[in-house]
C-alpha atoms as a PDB file:
ATOM      1  CA  PRO A   1       0.035  -0.073  -0.024  1.00  0.00           C
ATOM      2  CA  ILE A   2       0.965   3.624  -0.277  1.00  0.00           C
ATOM      3  CA  VAL A   3      -0.158   5.540   3.027  1.00  0.00           C
ATOM      4  CA  SER A   4       0.463   8.746   4.447  1.00  0.00           C
ATOM      5  CA  ARG A   5       2.612   9.182   7.539  1.00  0.00           C
ATOM      6  CA  ASP A   6      -0.470  10.967   9.139  1.00  0.00           C
ATOM      7  CA  VAL A   7      -2.847   7.917   9.070  1.00  0.00           C
ATOM      8  CA  GLY A   8      -0.993   6.237  12.104  1.00  0.00           C
ATOM      9  CA  VAL A   9      -0.857   3.013  10.372  1.00  0.00           C
ATOM     10  CA  ASP A  10       2.676   1.142  10.628  1.00  0.00           C
ATOM     11  CA  LEU A  11       3.667  -1.188   7.716  1.00  0.00           C
ATOM     12  CA  PRO A  12       5.749  -4.188   7.907  1.00  0.00           C
ATOM     13  CA  ASP A  13       9.568  -3.639   7.275  1.00  0.00           C
ATOM     14  CA  GLY A  14      10.251  -3.569   3.615  1.00  0.00           C
ATOM     15  CA  CYS A  15       6.641  -3.359   2.656  1.00  0.00           C
ATOM     16  CA  GLY A  16       4.717  -0.543   1.167  1.00  0.00           C
ATOM     17  CA  ILE A  17       5.458   3.212   0.550  1.00  0.00           C
ATOM     18  CA  VAL A  18       4.861   5.906   3.389  1.00  0.00           C
ATOM     19  CA  LEU A  19       4.281   9.363   2.096  1.00  0.00           C
ATOM     20  CA  GLU A  20       5.753  12.240   4.018  1.00  0.00           C
ATOM     21  CA  THR A  21       4.245  15.138   2.456  1.00  0.00           C
ATOM     22  CA  CYS A  22       1.206  14.060   0.286  1.00  0.00           C
ATOM     23  CA  GLU A  23       2.304  16.441  -2.410  1.00  0.00           C
ATOM     24  CA  VAL A  24       1.247  15.451  -6.075  1.00  0.00           C
ATOM     25  CA  ASP A  25       4.763  14.831  -7.236  1.00  0.00           C
ATOM     26  CA  GLU A  26       5.381  12.513  -4.248  1.00  0.00           C
ATOM     27  CA  ILE A  27       2.240  10.520  -4.941  1.00  0.00           C
ATOM     28  CA  GLU A  28       3.020  10.271  -8.582  1.00  0.00           C
ATOM     29  CA  GLN A  29       6.534   9.133  -7.620  1.00  0.00           C
ATOM     30  CA  ALA A  30       5.116   6.478  -5.210  1.00  0.00           C
ATOM     31  CA  MET A  31       2.744   5.224  -7.732  1.00  0.00           C
ATOM     32  CA  ALA A  32       5.604   4.813 -10.347  1.00  0.00           C
ATOM     33  CA  ARG A  33       7.602   2.841  -7.837  1.00  0.00           C
ATOM     34  CA  ALA A  34       4.722   0.730  -6.902  1.00  0.00           C
ATOM     35  CA  LEU A  35       3.853  -0.109 -10.556  1.00  0.00           C
ATOM     36  CA  ALA A  36       7.557  -0.778 -11.129  1.00  0.00           C
ATOM     37  CA  LEU A  37       7.697  -3.706  -8.694  1.00  0.00           C
ATOM     38  CA  ALA A  38       8.040  -7.180  -9.925  1.00  0.00           C
ATOM     39  CA  PRO A  39       4.698  -9.207  -9.607  1.00  0.00           C
ATOM     40  CA  ASP A  40       6.158 -11.498  -7.082  1.00  0.00           C
ATOM     41  CA  GLU A  41       7.578  -8.677  -4.955  1.00  0.00           C
ATOM     42  CA  LEU A  42       4.159  -6.908  -5.058  1.00  0.00           C
ATOM     43  CA  ALA A  43       2.446 -10.100  -4.081  1.00  0.00           C
ATOM     44  CA  ARG A  44       4.938 -10.459  -1.346  1.00  0.00           C
ATOM     45  CA  GLN A  45       4.438  -6.954   0.099  1.00  0.00           C
ATOM     46  CA  THR A  46       0.724  -7.364  -0.268  1.00  0.00           C
ATOM     47  CA  LEU A  47       0.434 -10.539   1.886  1.00  0.00           C
ATOM     48  CA  ALA A  48       2.801  -9.233   4.410  1.00  0.00           C
ATOM     49  CA  CYS A  49       0.561  -6.082   4.906  1.00  0.00           C
ATOM     50  CA  GLN A  50      -2.542  -8.091   4.908  1.00  0.00           C
ATOM     51  CA  ARG A  51      -1.103 -10.389   7.613  1.00  0.00           C
ATOM     52  CA  HIS A  52       0.271  -7.470   9.719  1.00  0.00           C
ATOM     53  CA  ALA A  53      -3.304  -5.593   9.378  1.00  0.00           C
ATOM     54  CA  LEU A  54      -5.146  -8.700  10.577  1.00  0.00           C
ATOM     55  CA  GLU A  55      -2.613  -9.230  13.531  1.00  0.00           C
ATOM     56  CA  THR A  56      -2.378  -5.621  14.419  1.00  0.00           C
ATOM     57  CA  TYR A  57      -5.534  -3.753  13.538  1.00  0.00           C
ATOM     58  CA  SER A  58      -8.335  -6.446  13.623  1.00  0.00           C
ATOM     59  CA  ARG A  59     -10.858  -6.561  16.513  1.00  0.00           C
ATOM     60  CA  GLU A  60      -9.092  -9.902  17.517  1.00  0.00           C
ATOM     61  CA  GLY A  61      -5.530  -8.452  17.290  1.00  0.00           C
ATOM     62  CA  TYR A  62      -6.872  -5.475  19.442  1.00  0.00           C
ATOM     63  CA  ALA A  63      -8.309  -7.755  21.996  1.00  0.00           C
ATOM     64  CA  ARG A  64      -5.268  -9.920  22.212  1.00  0.00           C
ATOM     65  CA  ARG A  65      -2.992  -6.863  22.910  1.00  0.00           C
ATOM     66  CA  LEU A  66      -5.565  -5.586  25.372  1.00  0.00           C
ATOM     67  CA  ARG A  67      -5.685  -8.583  27.368  1.00  0.00           C
ATOM     68  CA  ALA A  68      -1.749  -9.065  27.342  1.00  0.00           C
ATOM     69  CA  TYR A  69      -1.604  -5.423  28.654  1.00  0.00           C
ATOM     70  CA  LEU A  70      -4.204  -5.857  31.321  1.00  0.00           C
ATOM     71  CA  LYS A  71      -2.510  -9.334  32.399  1.00  0.00           C
ATOM     72  CA  GLU A  72       0.903  -7.350  32.566  1.00  0.00           C
ATOM     73  CA  TRP A  73      -0.570  -4.334  34.311  1.00  0.00           C
ATOM     74  CA  LEU A  74      -2.767  -6.408  36.802  1.00  0.00           C
ATOM     75  CA  GLY A  75      -0.065  -9.045  37.383  1.00  0.00           C
END
């Protein structure tokens, strides 16, 4: 994916493109870089981002992190 730094979403290492300014030139360059990726690399990054999103941003992932935090905090 191509995301803005401001969205507050982390990407797995070596995956995706993070926009710093969201200016038109930067977006165009990011799109060109993404389109230039080999199909197998694009697939690898896409799958890694999907796995990361499910683990980190899903309801289940949130509940798992919250339980771990509470368990640590409450002893």
